[in-house]
Amino acid sequence: MRFDALAAKPGIVDPRKLGFVMRTLCAQHVFDETALEVFANDEESTILATDECLANSVRYTSFLFPTADVLPQLLKDPVLCASYTSRDSAFAKSIGKGMGQFEYLNAHPE
């Protein structure tokens, strides 16, 4: 699919920026640029697009990096480190928007 058509679906304003992102993903072997400005799934992204369990596993692991980034600061904070409430967790302080992991997942099932 051409990147301008791909950008139109979600309403991306500047298709060229999507083109930069797509080429970066091609360099990481996520997509293939089959012709100039035309992108297609490669073997790996086809599997992710068709295997819901695998796709969910990948989405779940994306929670780990932002959480791990916040964890050292949290462990050095005497108040947060002493707390065992989910709203004071590294997850809540990173991507949870103040919610614990399960509360966040229930609020954002996508």
N, C-alpha and C. Protein backbone atom coordinates (compact mmCIF):
# COMPACT_ATOMS: atom_id res chain seq x y z
N MET A 1 0.84 -1.17 0.00
CA MET A 1 0.00 0.00 0.00
C MET A 1 0.90 1.24 0.00
N ARG A 2 0.52 2.22 -0.81
CA ARG A 2 1.29 3.47 -0.83
C ARG A 2 1.15 4.18 0.51
N PHE A 3 2.23 4.86 0.93
CA PHE A 3 2.19 5.47 2.25
C PHE A 3 1.20 6.61 2.35
N ASP A 4 0.88 7.29 1.25
CA ASP A 4 -0.13 8.35 1.33
C ASP A 4 -1.52 7.77 1.58
N ALA A 5 -1.82 6.62 0.97
CA ALA A 5 -3.09 5.94 1.24
C ALA A 5 -3.12 5.38 2.66
N LEU A 6 -1.99 4.87 3.09
CA LEU A 6 -1.87 4.34 4.45
C LEU A 6 -2.06 5.46 5.47
N ALA A 7 -1.53 6.63 5.20
CA ALA A 7 -1.66 7.78 6.11
C ALA A 7 -3.09 8.29 6.17
N ALA A 8 -3.83 8.18 5.06
CA ALA A 8 -5.19 8.70 5.01
C ALA A 8 -6.14 7.94 5.94
N LYS A 9 -5.91 6.63 6.11
CA LYS A 9 -6.83 5.82 6.93
C LYS A 9 -6.97 6.35 8.36
N PRO A 10 -5.88 6.57 9.10
CA PRO A 10 -6.05 7.10 10.47
C PRO A 10 -6.05 8.63 10.52
N GLY A 11 -5.95 9.30 9.37
CA GLY A 11 -5.98 10.75 9.34
C GLY A 11 -4.64 11.41 9.65
N ILE A 12 -3.54 10.76 9.29
CA ILE A 12 -2.22 11.34 9.50
C ILE A 12 -2.05 12.53 8.56
N VAL A 13 -1.70 13.68 9.12
CA VAL A 13 -1.67 14.93 8.36
C VAL A 13 -0.56 14.97 7.32
N ASP A 14 0.64 14.54 7.69
CA ASP A 14 1.79 14.61 6.78
C ASP A 14 2.22 13.19 6.41
N PRO A 15 1.81 12.69 5.25
CA PRO A 15 2.16 11.33 4.85
C PRO A 15 3.67 11.09 4.77
N ARG A 16 4.44 12.14 4.49
CA ARG A 16 5.90 11.95 4.40
C ARG A 16 6.48 11.50 5.74
N LYS A 17 5.92 12.01 6.84
CA LYS A 17 6.40 11.59 8.16
C LYS A 17 6.11 10.11 8.38
N LEU A 18 4.95 9.66 7.94
CA LEU A 18 4.65 8.23 8.03
C LEU A 18 5.64 7.45 7.17
N GLY A 19 6.02 8.00 6.03
CA GLY A 19 7.02 7.36 5.18
C GLY A 19 8.34 7.18 5.90
N PHE A 20 8.75 8.19 6.68
CA PHE A 20 9.99 8.06 7.47
C PHE A 20 9.87 6.93 8.48
N VAL A 21 8.72 6.89 9.15
CA VAL A 21 8.49 5.83 10.15
C VAL A 21 8.50 4.46 9.48
N MET A 22 7.83 4.35 8.34
CA MET A 22 7.75 3.07 7.65
C MET A 22 9.14 2.61 7.19
N ARG A 23 9.94 3.53 6.69
CA ARG A 23 11.30 3.15 6.27
C ARG A 23 12.16 2.74 7.46
N THR A 24 11.95 3.39 8.60
CA THR A 24 12.66 2.97 9.81
C THR A 24 12.25 1.55 10.19
N LEU A 25 10.96 1.26 10.09
CA LEU A 25 10.48 -0.09 10.39
C LEU A 25 10.98 -1.09 9.36
N CYS A 26 11.14 -0.67 8.13
CA CYS A 26 11.74 -1.55 7.11
C CYS A 26 13.18 -1.88 7.49
N ALA A 27 13.91 -0.90 7.99
CA ALA A 27 15.30 -1.14 8.39
C ALA A 27 15.37 -2.11 9.56
N GLN A 28 14.29 -2.19 10.34
CA GLN A 28 14.23 -3.12 11.46
C GLN A 28 13.55 -4.44 11.05
N HIS A 29 13.31 -4.61 9.76
CA HIS A 29 12.72 -5.84 9.21
C HIS A 29 11.31 -6.09 9.72
N VAL A 30 10.53 -5.00 9.83
CA VAL A 30 9.13 -5.13 10.22
C VAL A 30 8.24 -5.07 8.99
N PHE A 31 8.59 -4.22 8.02
CA PHE A 31 7.86 -4.11 6.76
C PHE A 31 8.87 -4.16 5.62
N ASP A 32 8.36 -4.33 4.40
CA ASP A 32 9.17 -4.28 3.19
C ASP A 32 8.68 -3.11 2.34
N GLU A 33 9.61 -2.38 1.73
CA GLU A 33 9.23 -1.38 0.74
C GLU A 33 9.36 -2.07 -0.60
N THR A 34 8.22 -2.49 -1.15
CA THR A 34 8.20 -3.32 -2.36
C THR A 34 8.43 -2.51 -3.63
N ALA A 35 8.12 -1.24 -3.59
CA ALA A 35 8.38 -0.28 -4.67
C ALA A 35 8.51 1.08 -3.98
N LEU A 36 8.91 2.09 -4.72
CA LEU A 36 9.07 3.40 -4.12
C LEU A 36 7.76 3.85 -3.47
N GLU A 37 7.81 4.09 -2.16
CA GLU A 37 6.68 4.58 -1.36
C GLU A 37 5.53 3.57 -1.26
N VAL A 38 5.81 2.30 -1.49
CA VAL A 38 4.81 1.24 -1.37
C VAL A 38 5.33 0.23 -0.35
N PHE A 39 4.52 -0.02 0.69
CA PHE A 39 4.96 -0.87 1.79
C PHE A 39 4.04 -2.08 1.93
N ALA A 40 4.63 -3.17 2.39
CA ALA A 40 3.87 -4.40 2.61
C ALA A 40 4.40 -5.08 3.87
N ASN A 41 3.55 -5.91 4.46
CA ASN A 41 4.00 -6.71 5.59
C ASN A 41 5.10 -7.65 5.13
N ASP A 42 6.08 -7.86 5.99
CA ASP A 42 7.04 -8.92 5.73
C ASP A 42 6.59 -10.14 6.52
N GLU A 43 7.41 -11.17 6.55
CA GLU A 43 7.01 -12.42 7.20
C GLU A 43 6.68 -12.21 8.68
N GLU A 44 7.51 -11.43 9.38
CA GLU A 44 7.29 -11.22 10.81
C GLU A 44 6.02 -10.43 11.09
N SER A 45 5.81 -9.34 10.37
CA SER A 45 4.62 -8.53 10.64
C SER A 45 3.34 -9.24 10.19
N THR A 46 3.44 -10.11 9.19
CA THR A 46 2.28 -10.91 8.79
C THR A 46 1.88 -11.84 9.92
N ILE A 47 2.86 -12.45 10.57
CA ILE A 47 2.56 -13.33 11.70
C ILE A 47 1.92 -12.53 12.83
N LEU A 48 2.47 -11.35 13.13
CA LEU A 48 1.89 -10.52 14.19
C LEU A 48 0.46 -10.09 13.84
N ALA A 49 0.20 -9.84 12.57
CA ALA A 49 -1.12 -9.40 12.15
C ALA A 49 -2.15 -10.53 12.19
N THR A 50 -1.69 -11.77 12.13
CA THR A 50 -2.63 -12.90 12.07
C THR A 50 -2.68 -13.74 13.33
N ASP A 51 -1.71 -13.60 14.22
CA ASP A 51 -1.67 -14.40 15.45
C ASP A 51 -1.95 -13.48 16.64
N GLU A 52 -3.19 -13.48 17.10
CA GLU A 52 -3.61 -12.56 18.17
C GLU A 52 -2.86 -12.80 19.48
N CYS A 53 -2.60 -14.05 19.82
CA CYS A 53 -1.87 -14.34 21.06
C CYS A 53 -0.45 -13.77 21.01
N LEU A 54 0.23 -13.96 19.89
CA LEU A 54 1.58 -13.42 19.75
C LEU A 54 1.56 -11.89 19.77
N ALA A 55 0.61 -11.29 19.08
CA ALA A 55 0.50 -9.83 19.05
C ALA A 55 0.26 -9.28 20.46
N ASN A 56 -0.59 -9.95 21.23
CA ASN A 56 -0.85 -9.50 22.61
C ASN A 56 0.39 -9.65 23.48
N SER A 57 1.17 -10.68 23.25
CA SER A 57 2.42 -10.85 24.01
C SER A 57 3.38 -9.72 23.71
N VAL A 58 3.49 -9.34 22.46
CA VAL A 58 4.37 -8.24 22.08
C VAL A 58 3.88 -6.93 22.69
N ARG A 59 2.56 -6.69 22.64
CA ARG A 59 2.01 -5.48 23.24
C ARG A 59 2.30 -5.44 24.74
N TYR A 60 2.16 -6.56 25.40
CA TYR A 60 2.39 -6.61 26.84
C TYR A 60 3.85 -6.30 27.18
N THR A 61 4.77 -6.82 26.39
CA THR A 61 6.19 -6.55 26.69
C THR A 61 6.53 -5.09 26.48
N SER A 62 5.74 -4.37 25.69
CA SER A 62 6.01 -2.94 25.50
C SER A 62 5.78 -2.15 26.78
N PHE A 63 5.08 -2.74 27.75
CA PHE A 63 4.90 -2.10 29.05
C PHE A 63 6.18 -2.13 29.88
N LEU A 64 7.03 -3.09 29.62
CA LEU A 64 8.18 -3.30 30.49
C LEU A 64 9.22 -2.19 30.42
N PHE A 65 9.50 -1.68 29.24
CA PHE A 65 10.58 -0.70 29.08
C PHE A 65 10.29 0.62 29.79
N PRO A 66 9.12 1.24 29.58
CA PRO A 66 8.86 2.49 30.31
C PRO A 66 8.82 2.27 31.83
N THR A 67 8.30 1.14 32.24
CA THR A 67 8.23 0.82 33.67
C THR A 67 9.63 0.66 34.25
N ALA A 68 10.49 -0.05 33.54
CA ALA A 68 11.87 -0.25 34.00
C ALA A 68 12.63 1.06 34.08
N ASP A 69 12.29 2.00 33.23
CA ASP A 69 12.95 3.30 33.23
C ASP A 69 12.62 4.09 34.50
N VAL A 70 11.41 3.95 35.00
CA VAL A 70 10.95 4.69 36.18
C VAL A 70 11.34 4.00 37.49
N LEU A 71 11.52 2.69 37.44
CA LEU A 71 11.74 1.90 38.65
C LEU A 71 12.90 2.38 39.52
N PRO A 72 14.08 2.69 38.98
CA PRO A 72 15.18 3.14 39.86
C PRO A 72 14.83 4.39 40.68
N GLN A 73 14.14 5.35 40.06
CA GLN A 73 13.73 6.56 40.78
C GLN A 73 12.74 6.22 41.88
N LEU A 74 11.80 5.33 41.58
CA LEU A 74 10.80 4.94 42.55
C LEU A 74 11.44 4.24 43.75
N LEU A 75 12.43 3.41 43.51
CA LEU A 75 13.08 2.68 44.59
C LEU A 75 13.89 3.59 45.50
N LYS A 76 14.27 4.77 45.00
CA LYS A 76 15.04 5.72 45.80
C LYS A 76 14.14 6.72 46.54
N ASP A 77 12.86 6.73 46.21
CA ASP A 77 11.91 7.64 46.86
C ASP A 77 11.37 6.97 48.12
N PRO A 78 11.62 7.53 49.30
CA PRO A 78 11.21 6.86 50.54
C PRO A 78 9.70 6.64 50.66
N VAL A 79 8.90 7.56 50.15
CA VAL A 79 7.45 7.42 50.24
C VAL A 79 6.94 6.37 49.26
N LEU A 80 7.34 6.49 47.99
CA LEU A 80 6.87 5.55 46.97
C LEU A 80 7.41 4.14 47.21
N CYS A 81 8.65 4.05 47.63
CA CYS A 81 9.25 2.73 47.86
C CYS A 81 8.56 2.00 49.01
N ALA A 82 8.07 2.74 49.99
CA ALA A 82 7.39 2.13 51.14
C ALA A 82 5.95 1.73 50.82
N SER A 83 5.41 2.25 49.71
CA SER A 83 4.01 2.00 49.36
C SER A 83 3.86 0.69 48.58
N TYR A 84 2.78 -0.01 48.87
CA TYR A 84 2.45 -1.22 48.12
C TYR A 84 1.13 -1.06 47.35
N THR A 85 0.64 0.16 47.22
CA THR A 85 -0.57 0.37 46.44
C THR A 85 -0.22 0.42 44.96
N SER A 86 -1.10 -0.09 44.15
CA SER A 86 -0.83 -0.16 42.71
C SER A 86 -0.68 1.22 42.09
N ARG A 87 -1.32 2.22 42.66
CA ARG A 87 -1.22 3.58 42.11
C ARG A 87 0.13 4.24 42.37
N ASP A 88 0.94 3.62 43.23
CA ASP A 88 2.29 4.11 43.49
C ASP A 88 3.35 3.24 42.81
N SER A 89 2.93 2.36 41.94
CA SER A 89 3.86 1.43 41.28
C SER A 89 4.61 2.11 40.14
N ALA A 90 5.67 1.48 39.70
CA ALA A 90 6.42 2.00 38.55
C ALA A 90 5.53 2.03 37.31
N PHE A 91 4.66 1.06 37.18
CA PHE A 91 3.72 1.04 36.05
C PHE A 91 2.84 2.28 36.08
N ALA A 92 2.25 2.56 37.25
CA ALA A 92 1.35 3.72 37.38
C ALA A 92 2.08 5.02 37.12
N LYS A 93 3.34 5.09 37.50
CA LYS A 93 4.12 6.32 37.33
C LYS A 93 4.66 6.47 35.91
N SER A 94 4.64 5.40 35.13
CA SER A 94 5.15 5.50 33.76
C SER A 94 4.00 5.58 32.77
N ILE A 95 3.47 4.46 32.36
CA ILE A 95 2.43 4.49 31.33
C ILE A 95 1.02 4.33 31.87
N GLY A 96 0.89 4.02 33.15
CA GLY A 96 -0.43 3.77 33.73
C GLY A 96 -1.28 4.99 33.97
N LYS A 97 -0.72 6.18 33.78
CA LYS A 97 -1.46 7.44 33.99
C LYS A 97 -2.11 7.47 35.37
N GLY A 98 -1.34 7.02 36.37
CA GLY A 98 -1.84 7.01 37.74
C GLY A 98 -2.63 5.77 38.12
N MET A 99 -2.86 4.88 37.17
CA MET A 99 -3.59 3.64 37.45
C MET A 99 -2.62 2.48 37.57
N GLY A 100 -2.96 1.52 38.42
CA GLY A 100 -2.19 0.29 38.49
C GLY A 100 -2.37 -0.51 37.21
N GLN A 101 -1.59 -1.56 37.06
CA GLN A 101 -1.58 -2.32 35.82
C GLN A 101 -2.95 -2.88 35.46
N PHE A 102 -3.63 -3.54 36.38
CA PHE A 102 -4.90 -4.17 36.05
C PHE A 102 -6.00 -3.14 35.85
N GLU A 103 -5.97 -2.08 36.63
CA GLU A 103 -6.93 -0.99 36.45
C GLU A 103 -6.74 -0.37 35.06
N TYR A 104 -5.49 -0.15 34.67
CA TYR A 104 -5.18 0.42 33.36
C TYR A 104 -5.65 -0.52 32.23
N LEU A 105 -5.35 -1.80 32.36
CA LEU A 105 -5.75 -2.75 31.31
C LEU A 105 -7.26 -2.84 31.19
N ASN A 106 -7.98 -2.77 32.31
CA ASN A 106 -9.44 -2.78 32.25
C ASN A 106 -9.97 -1.51 31.59
N ALA A 107 -9.31 -0.39 31.83
CA ALA A 107 -9.75 0.88 31.24
C ALA A 107 -9.35 1.01 29.77
N HIS A 108 -8.32 0.26 29.36
CA HIS A 108 -7.81 0.33 27.98
C HIS A 108 -7.71 -1.07 27.39
N PRO A 109 -8.81 -1.71 27.08
CA PRO A 109 -8.75 -3.10 26.58
C PRO A 109 -8.09 -3.23 25.21
N GLU A 110 -7.95 -2.13 24.49
CA GLU A 110 -7.32 -2.20 23.17
C GLU A 110 -5.87 -2.54 23.31
